[in-house]
């Protein structure tokens, strides 16, 4: 699916040279993947301690 977007060409060129991407598409897709991974990490951190388990591990081991 083709999409037209206005991208900062200087930043794109810098990223492409640092990671040695062959195409702009490859660089943009990698940036999107990294951004999504970062958002997912942040979401997981908000879950920390939000659902404390109240089971009895010792009892479960005996069963």
PDB file of N, CA and C in Angstrom:
ATOM      1  N   UNK A   1       0.844  -1.171   0.000  1.00  0.00           N
ATOM      2  CA  UNK A   1       0.000   0.000   0.000  1.00  0.00           C
ATOM      3  C   UNK A   1       0.894   1.242   0.000  1.00  0.00           C
ATOM      4  N   UNK A   2       0.738   2.068  -0.974  1.00  0.00           N
ATOM      5  CA  UNK A   2       1.552   3.276  -1.088  1.00  0.00           C
ATOM      6  C   UNK A   2       0.960   4.397  -0.246  1.00  0.00           C
ATOM      7  N   UNK A   3       1.842   5.092   0.477  1.00  0.00           N
ATOM      8  CA  UNK A   3       1.446   6.224   1.304  1.00  0.00           C
ATOM      9  C   UNK A   3       2.468   7.331   1.114  1.00  0.00           C
ATOM     10  N   UNK A   4       1.995   8.536   0.954  1.00  0.00           N
ATOM     11  CA  UNK A   4       2.897   9.683   0.825  1.00  0.00           C
ATOM     12  C   UNK A   4       2.968  10.408   2.156  1.00  0.00           C
ATOM     13  N   UNK A   5       4.191  10.563   2.682  1.00  0.00           N
ATOM     14  CA  UNK A   5       4.390  11.294   3.932  1.00  0.00           C
ATOM     15  C   UNK A   5       5.584  12.225   3.783  1.00  0.00           C
ATOM     16  N   UNK A   6       5.548  13.307   4.541  1.00  0.00           N
ATOM     17  CA  UNK A   6       6.642  14.276   4.522  1.00  0.00           C
ATOM     18  C   UNK A   6       7.597  13.929   5.658  1.00  0.00           C
ATOM     19  N   UNK A   7       8.805  13.493   5.310  1.00  0.00           N
ATOM     20  CA  UNK A   7       9.795  13.042   6.292  1.00  0.00           C
ATOM     21  C   UNK A   7      10.993  13.981   6.258  1.00  0.00           C
ATOM     22  N   UNK A   8      11.555  14.248   7.420  1.00  0.00           N
ATOM     23  CA  UNK A   8      12.775  15.055   7.521  1.00  0.00           C
ATOM     24  C   UNK A   8      13.897  14.300   6.802  1.00  0.00           C
ATOM     25  N   UNK A   9      14.287  14.795   5.642  1.00  0.00           N
ATOM     26  CA  UNK A   9      15.259  14.100   4.793  1.00  0.00           C
ATOM     27  C   UNK A   9      16.647  14.030   5.420  1.00  0.00           C
ATOM     28  N   UNK A  10      17.022  15.049   6.191  1.00  0.00           N
ATOM     29  CA  UNK A  10      18.334  15.028   6.839  1.00  0.00           C
ATOM     30  C   UNK A  10      18.408  13.922   7.888  1.00  0.00           C
ATOM     31  N   UNK A  11      17.358  13.799   8.687  1.00  0.00           N
ATOM     32  CA  UNK A  11      17.336  12.742   9.702  1.00  0.00           C
ATOM     33  C   UNK A  11      17.285  11.371   9.049  1.00  0.00           C
ATOM     34  N   UNK A  12      16.491  11.252   7.996  1.00  0.00           N
ATOM     35  CA  UNK A  12      16.395   9.981   7.289  1.00  0.00           C
ATOM     36  C   UNK A  12      17.750   9.590   6.701  1.00  0.00           C
ATOM     37  N   UNK A  13      18.441  10.537   6.104  1.00  0.00           N
ATOM     38  CA  UNK A  13      19.764  10.257   5.528  1.00  0.00           C
ATOM     39  C   UNK A  13      20.753   9.848   6.612  1.00  0.00           C
ATOM     40  N   UNK A  14      20.691  10.512   7.752  1.00  0.00           N
ATOM     41  CA  UNK A  14      21.590  10.173   8.862  1.00  0.00           C
ATOM     42  C   UNK A  14      21.315   8.759   9.361  1.00  0.00           C
ATOM     43  N   UNK A  15      20.047   8.431   9.535  1.00  0.00           N
ATOM     44  CA  UNK A  15      19.679   7.084   9.990  1.00  0.00           C
ATOM     45  C   UNK A  15      20.113   6.040   8.968  1.00  0.00           C
ATOM     46  N   UNK A  16      19.864   6.326   7.696  1.00  0.00           N
ATOM     47  CA  UNK A  16      20.221   5.364   6.652  1.00  0.00           C
ATOM     48  C   UNK A  16      21.720   5.121   6.605  1.00  0.00           C
ATOM     49  N   UNK A  17      22.515   6.151   6.828  1.00  0.00           N
ATOM     50  CA  UNK A  17      23.966   5.961   6.779  1.00  0.00           C
ATOM     51  C   UNK A  17      24.482   5.259   8.034  1.00  0.00           C
ATOM     52  N   UNK A  18      23.861   5.525   9.170  1.00  0.00           N
ATOM     53  CA  UNK A  18      24.320   4.909  10.418  1.00  0.00           C
ATOM     54  C   UNK A  18      23.995   3.417  10.473  1.00  0.00           C
ATOM     55  N   UNK A  19      22.832   3.039   9.971  1.00  0.00           N
ATOM     56  CA  UNK A  19      22.426   1.637  10.007  1.00  0.00           C
ATOM     57  C   UNK A  19      22.630   0.950   8.664  1.00  0.00           C
ATOM     58  N   UNK A  20      23.051   1.696   7.675  1.00  0.00           N
ATOM     59  CA  UNK A  20      23.311   1.189   6.332  1.00  0.00           C
ATOM     60  C   UNK A  20      22.087   0.514   5.714  1.00  0.00           C
ATOM     61  N   UNK A  21      20.953   1.207   5.812  1.00  0.00           N
ATOM     62  CA  UNK A  21      19.753   0.731   5.126  1.00  0.00           C
ATOM     63  C   UNK A  21      19.927   0.938   3.630  1.00  0.00           C
ATOM     64  N   UNK A  22      19.346   0.050   2.854  1.00  0.00           N
ATOM     65  CA  UNK A  22      19.454   0.157   1.404  1.00  0.00           C
ATOM     66  C   UNK A  22      18.355   1.038   0.816  1.00  0.00           C
ATOM     67  N   UNK A  23      17.203   1.070   1.482  1.00  0.00           N
ATOM     68  CA  UNK A  23      16.079   1.858   0.968  1.00  0.00           C
ATOM     69  C   UNK A  23      15.460   2.699   2.077  1.00  0.00           C
ATOM     70  N   UNK A  24      14.774   3.754   1.655  1.00  0.00           N
ATOM     71  CA  UNK A  24      14.053   4.592   2.608  1.00  0.00           C
ATOM     72  C   UNK A  24      12.943   3.780   3.275  1.00  0.00           C
ATOM     73  N   UNK A  25      12.297   2.947   2.493  1.00  0.00           N
ATOM     74  CA  UNK A  25      11.216   2.110   3.024  1.00  0.00           C
ATOM     75  C   UNK A  25      11.735   1.234   4.162  1.00  0.00           C
ATOM     76  N   UNK A  26      12.885   0.640   3.970  1.00  0.00           N
ATOM     77  CA  UNK A  26      13.492  -0.208   4.992  1.00  0.00           C
ATOM     78  C   UNK A  26      13.767   0.597   6.270  1.00  0.00           C
ATOM     79  N   UNK A  27      14.287   1.801   6.114  1.00  0.00           N
ATOM     80  CA  UNK A  27      14.596   2.655   7.267  1.00  0.00           C
ATOM     81  C   UNK A  27      13.326   3.060   8.008  1.00  0.00           C
ATOM     82  N   UNK A  28      12.301   3.450   7.268  1.00  0.00           N
ATOM     83  CA  UNK A  28      11.043   3.874   7.896  1.00  0.00           C
ATOM     84  C   UNK A  28      10.375   2.699   8.599  1.00  0.00           C
ATOM     85  N   UNK A  29      10.352   1.533   7.968  1.00  0.00           N
ATOM     86  CA  UNK A  29       9.739   0.361   8.602  1.00  0.00           C
ATOM     87  C   UNK A  29      10.477  -0.035   9.876  1.00  0.00           C
ATOM     88  N   UNK A  30      11.795   0.040   9.859  1.00  0.00           N
ATOM     89  CA  UNK A  30      12.578  -0.276  11.054  1.00  0.00           C
ATOM     90  C   UNK A  30      12.285   0.730  12.161  1.00  0.00           C
ATOM     91  N   UNK A  31      12.179   2.009  11.801  1.00  0.00           N
ATOM     92  CA  UNK A  31      11.862   3.039  12.793  1.00  0.00           C
ATOM     93  C   UNK A  31      10.486   2.794  13.404  1.00  0.00           C
ATOM     94  N   UNK A  32       9.521   2.420  12.583  1.00  0.00           N
ATOM     95  CA  UNK A  32       8.180   2.116  13.093  1.00  0.00           C
ATOM     96  C   UNK A  32       8.213   0.911  14.027  1.00  0.00           C
ATOM     97  N   UNK A  33       8.959  -0.119  13.651  1.00  0.00           N
ATOM     98  CA  UNK A  33       9.076  -1.309  14.505  1.00  0.00           C
ATOM     99  C   UNK A  33       9.710  -0.974  15.848  1.00  0.00           C
ATOM    100  N   UNK A  34      10.768  -0.178  15.831  1.00  0.00           N
ATOM    101  CA  UNK A  34      11.441   0.207  17.077  1.00  0.00           C
ATOM    102  C   UNK A  34      10.529   1.059  17.953  1.00  0.00           C
ATOM    103  N   UNK A  35       9.792   1.967  17.341  1.00  0.00           N
ATOM    104  CA  UNK A  35       8.880   2.823  18.097  1.00  0.00           C
ATOM    105  C   UNK A  35       7.775   1.985  18.739  1.00  0.00           C
ATOM    106  N   UNK A  36       7.236   1.037  17.982  1.00  0.00           N
ATOM    107  CA  UNK A  36       6.193   0.165  18.516  1.00  0.00           C
ATOM    108  C   UNK A  36       6.723  -0.682  19.671  1.00  0.00           C
ATOM    109  N   UNK A  37       7.928  -1.233  19.535  1.00  0.00           N
ATOM    110  CA  UNK A  37       8.520  -2.012  20.631  1.00  0.00           C
ATOM    111  C   UNK A  37       8.680  -1.159  21.880  1.00  0.00           C
ATOM    112  N   UNK A  38       9.087   0.087  21.703  1.00  0.00           N
ATOM    113  CA  UNK A  38       9.249   0.994  22.834  1.00  0.00           C
ATOM    114  C   UNK A  38       7.903   1.263  23.514  1.00  0.00           C
ATOM    115  N   UNK A  39       6.868   1.491  22.726  1.00  0.00           N
ATOM    116  CA  UNK A  39       5.537   1.714  23.297  1.00  0.00           C
ATOM    117  C   UNK A  39       5.048   0.486  24.061  1.00  0.00           C
ATOM    118  N   UNK A  40       5.295  -0.697  23.509  1.00  0.00           N
ATOM    119  CA  UNK A  40       4.879  -1.929  24.181  1.00  0.00           C
ATOM    120  C   UNK A  40       5.634  -2.128  25.490  1.00  0.00           C
ATOM    121  N   UNK A  41       6.934  -1.794  25.506  1.00  0.00           N
ATOM    122  CA  UNK A  41       7.712  -1.874  26.749  1.00  0.00           C
ATOM    123  C   UNK A  41       7.138  -0.938  27.802  1.00  0.00           C
ATOM    124  N   UNK A  42       6.801   0.274  27.387  1.00  0.00           N
ATOM    125  CA  UNK A  42       6.224   1.243  28.316  1.00  0.00           C
ATOM    126  C   UNK A  42       4.899   0.737  28.870  1.00  0.00           C
ATOM    127  N   UNK A  43       4.102   0.102  28.019  1.00  0.00           N
ATOM    128  CA  UNK A  43       2.813  -0.431  28.454  1.00  0.00           C
ATOM    129  C   UNK A  43       3.017  -1.543  29.475  1.00  0.00           C
ATOM    130  N   UNK A  44       3.961  -2.415  29.235  1.00  0.00           N
ATOM    131  CA  UNK A  44       4.241  -3.509  30.167  1.00  0.00           C
ATOM    132  C   UNK A  44       4.664  -2.953  31.518  1.00  0.00           C
ATOM    133  N   UNK A  45       5.465  -1.895  31.523  1.00  0.00           N
ATOM    134  CA  UNK A  45       5.908  -1.299  32.783  1.00  0.00           C
ATOM    135  C   UNK A  45       4.741  -0.739  33.588  1.00  0.00           C
ATOM    136  N   UNK A  46       3.695  -0.290  32.920  1.00  0.00           N
ATOM    137  CA  UNK A  46       2.532   0.215  33.659  1.00  0.00           C
ATOM    138  C   UNK A  46       1.771  -0.916  34.325  1.00  0.00           C
ATOM    139  N   UNK A  47       1.938  -2.131  33.840  1.00  0.00           N
ATOM    140  CA  UNK A  47       1.248  -3.281  34.425  1.00  0.00           C
ATOM    141  C   UNK A  47       1.933  -3.771  35.691  1.00  0.00           C
ATOM    142  N   UNK A  48       3.205  -3.423  35.872  1.00  0.00           N
ATOM    143  CA  UNK A  48       3.985  -3.932  36.993  1.00  0.00           C
ATOM    144  C   UNK A  48       3.279  -3.643  38.315  1.00  0.00           C
ATOM    145  N   UNK A  49       2.982  -4.703  39.049  1.00  0.00           N
ATOM    146  CA  UNK A  49       2.360  -4.567  40.356  1.00  0.00           C
ATOM    147  C   UNK A  49       0.883  -4.241  40.321  1.00  0.00           C
ATOM    148  N   UNK A  50       0.294  -4.170  39.140  1.00  0.00           N
ATOM    149  CA  UNK A  50      -1.111  -3.785  39.062  1.00  0.00           C
ATOM    150  C   UNK A  50      -2.059  -4.953  39.307  1.00  0.00           C
ATOM    151  N   UNK A  51      -1.554  -6.165  39.231  1.00  0.00           N
ATOM    152  CA  UNK A  51      -2.422  -7.320  39.409  1.00  0.00           C
ATOM    153  C   UNK A  51      -1.679  -8.342  40.274  1.00  0.00           C
ATOM    154  N   UNK A  52      -1.556  -8.029  41.532  1.00  0.00           N
ATOM    155  CA  UNK A  52      -0.795  -8.891  42.442  1.00  0.00           C
ATOM    156  C   UNK A  52      -1.485 -10.245  42.595  1.00  0.00           C
ATOM    157  N   UNK A  53      -0.697 -11.291  42.484  1.00  0.00           N
ATOM    158  CA  UNK A  53      -1.211 -12.640  42.627  1.00  0.00           C
ATOM    159  C   UNK A  53      -1.392 -12.943  44.102  1.00  0.00           C
ATOM    160  N   UNK A  54      -2.505 -13.577  44.456  1.00  0.00           N
ATOM    161  CA  UNK A  54      -2.811 -13.831  45.856  1.00  0.00           C
ATOM    162  C   UNK A  54      -2.878 -15.320  46.174  1.00  0.00           C
ATOM    163  N   UNK A  55      -2.301 -16.144  45.335  1.00  0.00           N
ATOM    164  CA  UNK A  55      -2.332 -17.576  45.573  1.00  0.00           C
ATOM    165  C   UNK A  55      -1.306 -18.015  46.603  1.00  0.00           C
ATOM    166  N   UNK A  56      -1.356 -19.312  46.948  1.00  0.00           N
ATOM    167  CA  UNK A  56      -0.420 -19.902  47.908  1.00  0.00           C
ATOM    168  C   UNK A  56       0.466 -20.878  47.147  1.00  0.00           C
ATOM    169  N   UNK A  57       1.664 -20.451  46.826  1.00  0.00           N
ATOM    170  CA  UNK A  57       2.573 -21.265  46.031  1.00  0.00           C
ATOM    171  C   UNK A  57       2.940 -22.556  46.752  1.00  0.00           C
ATOM    172  N   UNK A  58       3.151 -22.493  48.047  1.00  0.00           N
ATOM    173  CA  UNK A  58       3.486 -23.703  48.814  1.00  0.00           C
ATOM    174  C   UNK A  58       2.351 -24.720  48.736  1.00  0.00           C
ATOM    175  N   UNK A  59       1.126 -24.264  48.851  1.00  0.00           N
ATOM    176  CA  UNK A  59      -0.023 -25.174  48.769  1.00  0.00           C
ATOM    177  C   UNK A  59      -0.127 -25.772  47.374  1.00  0.00           C
ATOM    178  N   UNK A  60       0.133 -24.980  46.355  1.00  0.00           N
ATOM    179  CA  UNK A  60       0.077 -25.487  44.985  1.00  0.00           C
ATOM    180  C   UNK A  60       1.122 -26.573  44.768  1.00  0.00           C
ATOM    181  N   UNK A  61       2.274 -26.439  45.383  1.00  0.00           N
ATOM    182  CA  UNK A  61       3.327 -27.439  45.227  1.00  0.00           C
ATOM    183  C   UNK A  61       2.941 -28.751  45.892  1.00  0.00           C
ATOM    184  N   UNK A  62       2.158 -28.682  46.942  1.00  0.00           N
ATOM    185  CA  UNK A  62       1.736 -29.891  47.648  1.00  0.00           C
ATOM    186  C   UNK A  62       0.634 -30.629  46.907  1.00  0.00           C
ATOM    187  N   UNK A  63      -0.154 -29.923  46.130  1.00  0.00           N
ATOM    188  CA  UNK A  63      -1.290 -30.542  45.420  1.00  0.00           C
ATOM    189  C   UNK A  63      -0.873 -31.351  44.264  1.00  0.00           C
TER     190      UNK A  63
END
